[in-house]
PDB file of N, CA and C in Angstrom:
ATOM      1  N   MET A   1      60.164 130.097  31.767  1.00  0.00           N
ATOM      2  CA  MET A   1      60.009 131.600  31.996  1.00  0.00           C
ATOM      3  C   MET A   1      58.854 131.578  32.059  1.00  0.00           C
ATOM      4  N   LYS A   2      58.760 132.088  33.646  1.00  0.00           N
ATOM      5  CA  LYS A   2      56.976 132.409  33.876  1.00  0.00           C
ATOM      6  C   LYS A   2      56.213 133.488  33.364  1.00  0.00           C
ATOM      7  N   ALA A   3      55.207 133.379  33.611  1.00  0.00           N
ATOM      8  CA  ALA A   3      53.982 134.018  32.740  1.00  0.00           C
ATOM      9  C   ALA A   3      53.509 134.990  34.025  1.00  0.00           C
ATOM     10  N   ILE A   4      53.252 136.337  33.845  1.00  0.00           N
ATOM     11  CA  ILE A   4      53.130 137.161  34.696  1.00  0.00           C
ATOM     12  C   ILE A   4      51.284 137.598  34.368  1.00  0.00           C
ATOM     13  N   VAL A   5      50.851 136.910  35.458  1.00  0.00           N
ATOM     14  CA  VAL A   5      49.319 136.617  35.425  1.00  0.00           C
ATOM     15  C   VAL A   5      48.999 138.368  36.467  1.00  0.00           C
ATOM     16  N   ASN A   6      47.774 138.816  35.468  1.00  0.00           N
ATOM     17  CA  ASN A   6      46.827 140.343  36.566  1.00  0.00           C
ATOM     18  C   ASN A   6      45.949 139.533  37.431  1.00  0.00           C
ATOM     19  N   LEU A   7      45.874 139.515  38.449  1.00  0.00           N
ATOM     20  CA  LEU A   7      44.752 139.454  39.276  1.00  0.00           C
ATOM     21  C   LEU A   7      44.064 140.479  40.266  1.00  0.00           C
ATOM     22  N   SER A   8      43.222 140.510  39.828  1.00  0.00           N
ATOM     23  CA  SER A   8      42.121 141.219  40.862  1.00  0.00           C
ATOM     24  C   SER A   8      42.555 141.596  42.621  1.00  0.00           C
ATOM     25  N   SER A   9      42.550 142.785  42.799  1.00  0.00           N
ATOM     26  CA  SER A   9      43.064 142.945  44.092  1.00  0.00           C
ATOM     27  C   SER A   9      42.372 141.670  45.262  1.00  0.00           C
ATOM     28  N   GLU A  10      40.910 141.032  44.744  1.00  0.00           N
ATOM     29  CA  GLU A  10      40.326 140.214  45.560  1.00  0.00           C
ATOM     30  C   GLU A  10      41.203 138.815  45.538  1.00  0.00           C
ATOM     31  N   GLU A  11      41.638 138.321  44.371  1.00  0.00           N
ATOM     32  CA  GLU A  11      42.250 137.530  44.509  1.00  0.00           C
ATOM     33  C   GLU A  11      43.789 137.310  45.148  1.00  0.00           C
ATOM     34  N   MET A  12      44.167 138.954  44.815  1.00  0.00           N
ATOM     35  CA  MET A  12      45.707 138.844  45.656  1.00  0.00           C
ATOM     36  C   MET A  12      45.432 138.817  47.001  1.00  0.00           C
ATOM     37  N   LEU A  13      44.345 138.995  47.680  1.00  0.00           N
ATOM     38  CA  LEU A  13      43.993 138.893  49.154  1.00  0.00           C
ATOM     39  C   LEU A  13      43.990 137.242  49.032  1.00  0.00           C
ATOM     40  N   LYS A  14      43.386 137.128  48.498  1.00  0.00           N
ATOM     41  CA  LYS A  14      42.805 135.203  48.587  1.00  0.00           C
ATOM     42  C   LYS A  14      44.523 134.782  48.665  1.00  0.00           C
ATOM     43  N   VAL A  15      45.248 134.516  47.513  1.00  0.00           N
ATOM     44  CA  VAL A  15      46.186 133.967  47.631  1.00  0.00           C
ATOM     45  C   VAL A  15      47.310 134.250  48.406  1.00  0.00           C
ATOM     46  N   ARG A  16      47.392 135.726  49.417  1.00  0.00           N
ATOM     47  CA  ARG A  16      47.989 135.978  50.383  1.00  0.00           C
ATOM     48  C   ARG A  16      47.572 135.425  51.551  1.00  0.00           C
ATOM     49  N   TYR A  17      46.286 135.458  52.044  1.00  0.00           N
ATOM     50  CA  TYR A  17      46.102 134.830  53.026  1.00  0.00           C
ATOM     51  C   TYR A  17      45.945 133.453  53.076  1.00  0.00           C
ATOM     52  N   ASN A  18      46.239 132.888  52.295  1.00  0.00           N
ATOM     53  CA  ASN A  18      46.414 131.434  52.086  1.00  0.00           C
ATOM     54  C   ASN A  18      47.936 130.548  51.926  1.00  0.00           C
ATOM     55  N   GLN A  19      48.455 131.671  52.123  1.00  0.00           N
ATOM     56  CA  GLN A  19      50.140 131.364  52.461  1.00  0.00           C
ATOM     57  C   GLN A  19      50.161 130.338  53.561  1.00  0.00           C
ATOM     58  N   PRO A  20      51.177 129.160  53.754  1.00  0.00           N
ATOM     59  CA  PRO A  20      51.093 128.717  54.692  1.00  0.00           C
ATOM     60  C   PRO A  20      51.689 129.508  55.950  1.00  0.00           C
ATOM     61  N   ARG A  21      51.065 129.565  57.069  1.00  0.00           N
ATOM     62  CA  ARG A  21      52.232 129.934  58.344  1.00  0.00           C
ATOM     63  C   ARG A  21      53.062 129.638  59.233  1.00  0.00           C
ATOM     64  N   VAL A  22      53.960 130.158  59.885  1.00  0.00           N
ATOM     65  CA  VAL A  22      54.872 129.839  60.345  1.00  0.00           C
ATOM     66  C   VAL A  22      55.090 130.128  61.630  1.00  0.00           C
ATOM     67  N   SER A  23      55.079 129.601  62.980  1.00  0.00           N
ATOM     68  CA  SER A  23      55.352 129.742  64.197  1.00  0.00           C
ATOM     69  C   SER A  23      56.296 130.784  64.474  1.00  0.00           C
ATOM     70  N   LEU A  24      56.271 131.171  65.387  1.00  0.00           N
ATOM     71  CA  LEU A  24      57.794 131.979  66.033  1.00  0.00           C
ATOM     72  C   LEU A  24      59.094 130.775  66.037  1.00  0.00           C
ATOM     73  N   GLU A  25      58.666 129.868  66.815  1.00  0.00           N
ATOM     74  CA  GLU A  25      59.518 128.935  67.659  1.00  0.00           C
ATOM     75  C   GLU A  25      60.120 128.223  65.962  1.00  0.00           C
ATOM     76  N   GLU A  26      59.130 128.139  64.978  1.00  0.00           N
ATOM     77  CA  GLU A  26      59.698 127.358  63.683  1.00  0.00           C
ATOM     78  C   GLU A  26      60.763 128.549  62.694  1.00  0.00           C
ATOM     79  N   LEU A  27      60.329 129.437  63.017  1.00  0.00           N
ATOM     80  CA  LEU A  27      61.006 130.701  62.248  1.00  0.00           C
ATOM     81  C   LEU A  27      62.756 130.656  62.890  1.00  0.00           C
ATOM     82  N   ARG A  28      62.562 130.739  64.215  1.00  0.00           N
ATOM     83  CA  ARG A  28      63.937 130.850  64.859  1.00  0.00           C
ATOM     84  C   ARG A  28      64.779 129.689  64.457  1.00  0.00           C
ATOM     85  N   LEU A  29      63.911 128.802  64.312  1.00  0.00           N
ATOM     86  CA  LEU A  29      64.669 127.111  64.034  1.00  0.00           C
ATOM     87  C   LEU A  29      65.568 127.157  62.689  1.00  0.00           C
ATOM     88  N   GLN A  30      64.915 127.539  61.864  1.00  0.00           N
ATOM     89  CA  GLN A  30      64.779 128.325  60.214  1.00  0.00           C
ATOM     90  C   GLN A  30      66.239 128.907  60.254  1.00  0.00           C
ATOM     91  N   GLU A  31      65.922 130.220  61.254  1.00  0.00           N
ATOM     92  CA  GLU A  31      67.106 131.057  61.242  1.00  0.00           C
ATOM     93  C   GLU A  31      68.225 130.816  61.991  1.00  0.00           C
ATOM     94  N   ALA A  32      68.149 129.550  62.779  1.00  0.00           N
ATOM     95  CA  ALA A  32      69.410 129.136  63.395  1.00  0.00           C
ATOM     96  C   ALA A  32      69.983 127.921  62.458  1.00  0.00           C
ATOM     97  N   GLN A  33      69.119 127.296  61.368  1.00  0.00           N
ATOM     98  CA  GLN A  33      69.951 126.196  60.519  1.00  0.00           C
ATOM     99  C   GLN A  33      70.085 127.314  59.158  1.00  0.00           C
ATOM    100  N   HIS A  34      69.984 128.456  58.987  1.00  0.00           N
ATOM    101  CA  HIS A  34      70.243 129.119  57.738  1.00  0.00           C
ATOM    102  C   HIS A  34      71.875 129.675  58.542  1.00  0.00           C
ATOM    103  N   ARG A  35      71.310 130.271  59.531  1.00  0.00           N
ATOM    104  CA  ARG A  35      73.041 130.494  60.205  1.00  0.00           C
ATOM    105  C   ARG A  35      74.222 129.604  60.431  1.00  0.00           C
ATOM    106  N   GLN A  36      73.448 128.317  60.639  1.00  0.00           N
ATOM    107  CA  GLN A  36      74.840 126.935  60.473  1.00  0.00           C
ATOM    108  C   GLN A  36      74.976 126.925  59.641  1.00  0.00           C
ATOM    109  N   ALA A  37      74.509 126.607  58.415  1.00  0.00           N
ATOM    110  CA  ALA A  37      74.550 126.363  56.659  1.00  0.00           C
ATOM    111  C   ALA A  37      75.451 127.734  56.231  1.00  0.00           C
ATOM    112  N   SER A  38      75.250 128.916  56.737  1.00  0.00           N
ATOM    113  CA  SER A  38      76.228 129.981  56.237  1.00  0.00           C
ATOM    114  C   SER A  38      77.570 129.935  56.712  1.00  0.00           C
ATOM    115  N   GLU A  39      77.776 129.644  58.237  1.00  0.00           N
ATOM    116  CA  GLU A  39      79.092 129.751  58.673  1.00  0.00           C
ATOM    117  C   GLU A  39      79.855 128.228  57.979  1.00  0.00           C
ATOM    118  N   GLU A  40      79.581 127.442  57.809  1.00  0.00           N
ATOM    119  CA  GLU A  40      79.895 125.949  57.503  1.00  0.00           C
ATOM    120  C   GLU A  40      80.550 126.137  56.090  1.00  0.00           C
ATOM    121  N   PHE A  41      79.504 126.949  54.962  1.00  0.00           N
ATOM    122  CA  PHE A  41      79.620 127.516  53.457  1.00  0.00           C
ATOM    123  C   PHE A  41      81.126 128.272  53.727  1.00  0.00           C
ATOM    124  N   PHE A  42      80.752 129.321  54.400  1.00  0.00           N
ATOM    125  CA  PHE A  42      82.126 130.394  54.100  1.00  0.00           C
ATOM    126  C   PHE A  42      83.489 129.952  54.940  1.00  0.00           C
ATOM    127  N   LYS A  43      83.210 128.560  55.790  1.00  0.00           N
ATOM    128  CA  LYS A  43      84.484 128.331  56.430  1.00  0.00           C
ATOM    129  C   LYS A  43      84.941 127.209  55.199  1.00  0.00           C
ATOM    130  N   VAL A  44      84.292 126.499  54.408  1.00  0.00           N
ATOM    131  CA  VAL A  44      84.627 125.818  53.359  1.00  0.00           C
ATOM    132  C   VAL A  44      85.471 126.467  52.456  1.00  0.00           C
ATOM    133  N   ALA A  45      84.568 127.559  51.859  1.00  0.00           N
ATOM    134  CA  ALA A  45      85.112 128.584  51.110  1.00  0.00           C
ATOM    135  C   ALA A  45      86.318 128.995  51.300  1.00  0.00           C
ATOM    136  N   LYS A  46      86.726 129.632  52.413  1.00  0.00           N
ATOM    137  CA  LYS A  46      87.766 130.246  53.046  1.00  0.00           C
ATOM    138  C   LYS A  46      89.201 129.171  53.178  1.00  0.00           C
ATOM    139  N   ASN A  47      88.562 128.181  53.386  1.00  0.00           N
ATOM    140  CA  ASN A  47      89.967 126.810  53.293  1.00  0.00           C
ATOM    141  C   ASN A  47      90.058 126.440  51.996  1.00  0.00           C
ATOM    142  N   ALA A  48      89.006 126.831  50.792  1.00  0.00           N
ATOM    143  CA  ALA A  48      89.182 126.111  49.773  1.00  0.00           C
ATOM    144  C   ALA A  48      90.752 127.554  49.018  1.00  0.00           C
ATOM    145  N   ILE A  49      90.611 128.546  49.406  1.00  0.00           N
ATOM    146  CA  ILE A  49      91.415 129.537  48.769  1.00  0.00           C
ATOM    147  C   ILE A  49      92.457 129.658  49.474  1.00  0.00           C
ATOM    148  N   SER A  50      93.653 129.666  48.946  1.00  0.00           N
ATOM    149  CA  SER A  50      94.827 129.707  49.558  1.00  0.00           C
ATOM    150  C   SER A  50      95.317 131.069  49.704  1.00  0.00           C
ATOM    151  N   LYS A  51      96.428 131.608  50.631  1.00  0.00           N
ATOM    152  CA  LYS A  51      96.555 132.786  50.900  1.00  0.00           C
ATOM    153  C   LYS A  51      97.218 133.726  49.546  1.00  0.00           C
ATOM    154  N   PRO A  52      97.762 133.236  48.326  1.00  0.00           N
ATOM    155  CA  PRO A  52      97.746 134.568  47.202  1.00  0.00           C
ATOM    156  C   PRO A  52      96.437 134.620  46.957  1.00  0.00           C
ATOM    157  N   GLY A  53      95.403 133.871  47.157  1.00  0.00           N
ATOM    158  CA  GLY A  53      93.867 134.171  46.422  1.00  0.00           C
ATOM    159  C   GLY A  53      93.527 132.877  45.435  1.00  0.00           C
ATOM    160  N   ARG A  54      94.766 132.200  45.188  1.00  0.00           N
ATOM    161  CA  ARG A  54      93.884 131.144  43.896  1.00  0.00           C
ATOM    162  C   ARG A  54      93.183 130.011  44.556  1.00  0.00           C
ATOM    163  N   VAL A  55      92.537 129.649  43.900  1.00  0.00           N
ATOM    164  CA  VAL A  55      91.626 128.350  44.354  1.00  0.00           C
ATOM    165  C   VAL A  55      92.649 127.124  44.335  1.00  0.00           C
ATOM    166  N   LYS A  56      92.553 126.511  45.578  1.00  0.00           N
ATOM    167  CA  LYS A  56      92.838 125.212  45.862  1.00  0.00           C
ATOM    168  C   LYS A  56      92.251 123.783  44.482  1.00  0.00           C
ATOM    169  N   VAL A  57      92.838 123.255  44.088  1.00  0.00           N
ATOM    170  CA  VAL A  57      92.302 121.906  43.108  1.00  0.00           C
ATOM    171  C   VAL A  57      91.990 120.840  44.633  1.00  0.00           C
ATOM    172  N   VAL A  58      91.090 120.948  44.593  1.00  0.00           N
ATOM    173  CA  VAL A  58      90.436 119.753  45.832  1.00  0.00           C
ATOM    174  C   VAL A  58      90.183 118.333  45.056  1.00  0.00           C
ATOM    175  N   ALA A  59      90.548 117.340  45.700  1.00  0.00           N
ATOM    176  CA  ALA A  59      90.264 115.778  44.599  1.00  0.00           C
ATOM    177  C   ALA A  59      89.259 115.416  45.078  1.00  0.00           C
ATOM    178  N   GLY A  60      87.858 115.213  44.165  1.00  0.00           N
ATOM    179  CA  GLY A  60      87.090 114.691  44.540  1.00  0.00           C
ATOM    180  C   GLY A  60      86.172 114.009  43.816  1.00  0.00           C
TER     181      GLY A  60
END
């Protein structure tokens, strides 16, 4: 369980401004990777479900 900590507005700004920065190029790469992973996930999920909607048994 995480504790809730009350920070002053000065401390909150300090924490916010010390967050790591991401370049636009890195952001676009992350979005492309996320999109590809999502497409792969849904492809596998769709193939795992049979036409009547029952889950196929996958040996593994």
